[in-house]
Amino acid sequence: MNTDQPAFTDLLDHAPGGHETGIASLALGAGAFLALGTLPALPYFVLLALPLGIAAVACGVRALRRGAAAPSGRIASVTGIALGSLGVLGWAALMVLWYLVDQAVSH
């Protein structure tokens, strides 16, 4: 396996030094959190909350480990991690709720 290939979250950092801004983490985390809000209108869109949330957490942690240059970059990374975590937890809660409703209806 070639380790020189960029990861998916690396491709989101378009600007030079983009990993230092935390904006990619913030955008992914906001996407994960907003995907949960589409439940009434687009129920299957909620499934995007899991991969977006995981990518947001991974990207935010990577930005913090590399050393986000400005305090705003650290804030954006931490906010992205928090929103991504909420997206993952919300997705998990919806899956548990779906399972419980399915069990209640089947009995």
C-alpha atoms as a PDB file:
ATOM      1  CA  MET A   1       0.000   0.000   0.000  1.00  0.00           C
ATOM      2  CA  ASN A   2       1.358   3.372  -0.995  1.00  0.00           C
ATOM      3  CA  THR A   3       1.398   5.798   1.923  1.00  0.00           C
ATOM      4  CA  ASP A   4       2.258   8.789  -0.267  1.00  0.00           C
ATOM      5  CA  GLN A   5      -1.340   9.225  -1.418  1.00  0.00           C
ATOM      6  CA  PRO A   6      -3.194  12.055   0.302  1.00  0.00           C
ATOM      7  CA  ALA A   7      -6.084  11.253   2.595  1.00  0.00           C
ATOM      8  CA  PHE A   8      -9.597  12.449   1.830  1.00  0.00           C
ATOM      9  CA  THR A   9      -9.424  15.218   4.410  1.00  0.00           C
ATOM     10  CA  ASP A  10      -6.094  16.389   2.986  1.00  0.00           C
ATOM     11  CA  LEU A  11      -7.827  17.036  -0.323  1.00  0.00           C
ATOM     12  CA  LEU A  12     -10.161  19.493   1.414  1.00  0.00           C
ATOM     13  CA  ASP A  13      -7.283  21.770   2.354  1.00  0.00           C
ATOM     14  CA  HIS A  14      -6.984  23.704  -0.896  1.00  0.00           C
ATOM     15  CA  ALA A  15      -4.961  26.654   0.326  1.00  0.00           C
ATOM     16  CA  PRO A  16      -1.285  26.283   1.194  1.00  0.00           C
ATOM     17  CA  GLY A  17      -1.128  25.678   4.890  1.00  0.00           C
ATOM     18  CA  GLY A  18      -4.872  25.004   4.940  1.00  0.00           C
ATOM     19  CA  HIS A  19      -4.388  22.334   7.584  1.00  0.00           C
ATOM     20  CA  GLU A  20      -3.387  25.126   9.933  1.00  0.00           C
ATOM     21  CA  THR A  21      -6.718  26.930   9.672  1.00  0.00           C
ATOM     22  CA  GLY A  22      -9.119  24.227  10.890  1.00  0.00           C
ATOM     23  CA  ILE A  23     -11.709  25.400   8.369  1.00  0.00           C
ATOM     24  CA  ALA A  24     -12.008  21.954   6.750  1.00  0.00           C
ATOM     25  CA  SER A  25     -12.859  20.447  10.126  1.00  0.00           C
ATOM     26  CA  LEU A  26     -15.395  23.169  10.795  1.00  0.00           C
ATOM     27  CA  ALA A  27     -17.040  22.695   7.392  1.00  0.00           C
ATOM     28  CA  LEU A  28     -17.218  18.917   7.748  1.00  0.00           C
ATOM     29  CA  GLY A  29     -18.533  19.173  11.300  1.00  0.00           C
ATOM     30  CA  ALA A  30     -21.199  21.665  10.293  1.00  0.00           C
ATOM     31  CA  GLY A  31     -22.180  19.371   7.431  1.00  0.00           C
ATOM     32  CA  ALA A  32     -22.495  16.414   9.802  1.00  0.00           C
ATOM     33  CA  PHE A  33     -24.589  18.416  12.238  1.00  0.00           C
ATOM     34  CA  LEU A  34     -26.814  19.865   9.510  1.00  0.00           C
ATOM     35  CA  ALA A  35     -27.348  16.425   7.990  1.00  0.00           C
ATOM     36  CA  LEU A  36     -29.179  15.484  11.185  1.00  0.00           C
ATOM     37  CA  GLY A  37     -31.574  18.394  10.656  1.00  0.00           C
ATOM     38  CA  THR A  38     -32.728  16.992   7.321  1.00  0.00           C
ATOM     39  CA  LEU A  39     -34.497  14.071   9.008  1.00  0.00           C
ATOM     40  CA  PRO A  40     -38.074  15.305   8.413  1.00  0.00           C
ATOM     41  CA  ALA A  41     -37.532  16.164   4.735  1.00  0.00           C
ATOM     42  CA  LEU A  42     -34.755  13.821   3.558  1.00  0.00           C
ATOM     43  CA  PRO A  43     -34.507  10.852   5.928  1.00  0.00           C
ATOM     44  CA  TYR A  44     -31.710   9.061   4.050  1.00  0.00           C
ATOM     45  CA  PHE A  45     -29.558  12.208   4.002  1.00  0.00           C
ATOM     46  CA  VAL A  46     -29.048  11.634   7.740  1.00  0.00           C
ATOM     47  CA  LEU A  47     -26.757   8.739   6.849  1.00  0.00           C
ATOM     48  CA  LEU A  48     -24.156  11.298   5.755  1.00  0.00           C
ATOM     49  CA  ALA A  49     -23.782  12.470   9.348  1.00  0.00           C
ATOM     50  CA  LEU A  50     -21.578   9.496  10.203  1.00  0.00           C
ATOM     51  CA  PRO A  51     -18.874   9.830   7.511  1.00  0.00           C
ATOM     52  CA  LEU A  52     -18.899  13.633   7.694  1.00  0.00           C
ATOM     53  CA  GLY A  53     -18.613  13.519  11.481  1.00  0.00           C
ATOM     54  CA  ILE A  54     -15.741  11.052  11.417  1.00  0.00           C
ATOM     55  CA  ALA A  55     -13.938  13.105   8.772  1.00  0.00           C
ATOM     56  CA  ALA A  56     -14.474  16.298  10.805  1.00  0.00           C
ATOM     57  CA  VAL A  57     -13.024  14.765  13.948  1.00  0.00           C
ATOM     58  CA  ALA A  58     -10.062  13.299  12.066  1.00  0.00           C
ATOM     59  CA  CYS A  59      -9.373  16.561  10.234  1.00  0.00           C
ATOM     60  CA  GLY A  60      -9.703  18.642  13.414  1.00  0.00           C
ATOM     61  CA  VAL A  61      -7.397  16.389  15.381  1.00  0.00           C
ATOM     62  CA  ARG A  62      -4.884  16.453  12.532  1.00  0.00           C
ATOM     63  CA  ALA A  63      -5.008  20.267  12.439  1.00  0.00           C
ATOM     64  CA  LEU A  64      -4.475  20.482  16.196  1.00  0.00           C
ATOM     65  CA  ARG A  65      -1.615  17.980  16.105  1.00  0.00           C
ATOM     66  CA  ARG A  66       0.095  19.891  13.296  1.00  0.00           C
ATOM     67  CA  GLY A  67      -0.343  23.056  15.268  1.00  0.00           C
ATOM     68  CA  ALA A  68      -3.071  25.388  14.080  1.00  0.00           C
ATOM     69  CA  ALA A  69      -1.250  28.673  13.618  1.00  0.00           C
ATOM     70  CA  ALA A  70      -3.764  31.189  14.910  1.00  0.00           C
ATOM     71  CA  PRO A  71      -6.152  31.009  17.850  1.00  0.00           C
ATOM     72  CA  SER A  72      -9.012  31.218  15.360  1.00  0.00           C
ATOM     73  CA  GLY A  73      -7.638  28.073  13.682  1.00  0.00           C
ATOM     74  CA  ARG A  74      -7.635  26.226  16.982  1.00  0.00           C
ATOM     75  CA  ILE A  75     -11.166  27.429  17.714  1.00  0.00           C
ATOM     76  CA  ALA A  76     -12.321  26.307  14.258  1.00  0.00           C
ATOM     77  CA  SER A  77     -10.700  22.894  14.780  1.00  0.00           C
ATOM     78  CA  VAL A  78     -12.246  22.385  18.210  1.00  0.00           C
ATOM     79  CA  THR A  79     -15.641  23.565  16.955  1.00  0.00           C
ATOM     80  CA  GLY A  80     -15.368  21.193  13.996  1.00  0.00           C
ATOM     81  CA  ILE A  81     -14.485  18.323  16.320  1.00  0.00           C
ATOM     82  CA  ALA A  82     -17.443  19.155  18.567  1.00  0.00           C
ATOM     83  CA  LEU A  83     -19.912  19.422  15.669  1.00  0.00           C
ATOM     84  CA  GLY A  84     -18.538  16.248  14.094  1.00  0.00           C
ATOM     85  CA  SER A  85     -18.897  14.420  17.397  1.00  0.00           C
ATOM     86  CA  LEU A  86     -22.474  15.647  17.708  1.00  0.00           C
ATOM     87  CA  GLY A  87     -23.129  14.389  14.193  1.00  0.00           C
ATOM     88  CA  VAL A  88     -21.746  10.938  15.007  1.00  0.00           C
ATOM     89  CA  LEU A  89     -23.590  10.757  18.335  1.00  0.00           C
ATOM     90  CA  GLY A  90     -26.814  11.987  16.722  1.00  0.00           C
ATOM     91  CA  TRP A  91     -26.484   9.377  14.007  1.00  0.00           C
ATOM     92  CA  ALA A  92     -25.924   6.661  16.609  1.00  0.00           C
ATOM     93  CA  ALA A  93     -28.922   7.843  18.635  1.00  0.00           C
ATOM     94  CA  LEU A  94     -31.126   7.783  15.537  1.00  0.00           C
ATOM     95  CA  MET A  95     -29.987   4.255  14.709  1.00  0.00           C
ATOM     96  CA  VAL A  96     -30.770   3.091  18.260  1.00  0.00           C
ATOM     97  CA  LEU A  97     -34.157   4.817  18.097  1.00  0.00           C
ATOM     98  CA  TRP A  98     -34.857   3.205  14.732  1.00  0.00           C
ATOM     99  CA  TYR A  99     -33.951  -0.214  16.151  1.00  0.00           C
ATOM    100  CA  LEU A 100     -36.155   0.259  19.224  1.00  0.00           C
ATOM    101  CA  VAL A 101     -39.115   1.408  17.127  1.00  0.00           C
ATOM    102  CA  ASP A 102     -38.605  -1.530  14.780  1.00  0.00           C
ATOM    103  CA  GLN A 103     -38.583  -3.920  17.744  1.00  0.00           C
ATOM    104  CA  ALA A 104     -41.704  -2.340  19.246  1.00  0.00           C
ATOM    105  CA  VAL A 105     -43.601  -2.488  15.965  1.00  0.00           C
ATOM    106  CA  SER A 106     -42.600  -6.082  15.222  1.00  0.00           C
ATOM    107  CA  HIS A 107     -43.924  -7.354  18.568  1.00  0.00           C
END
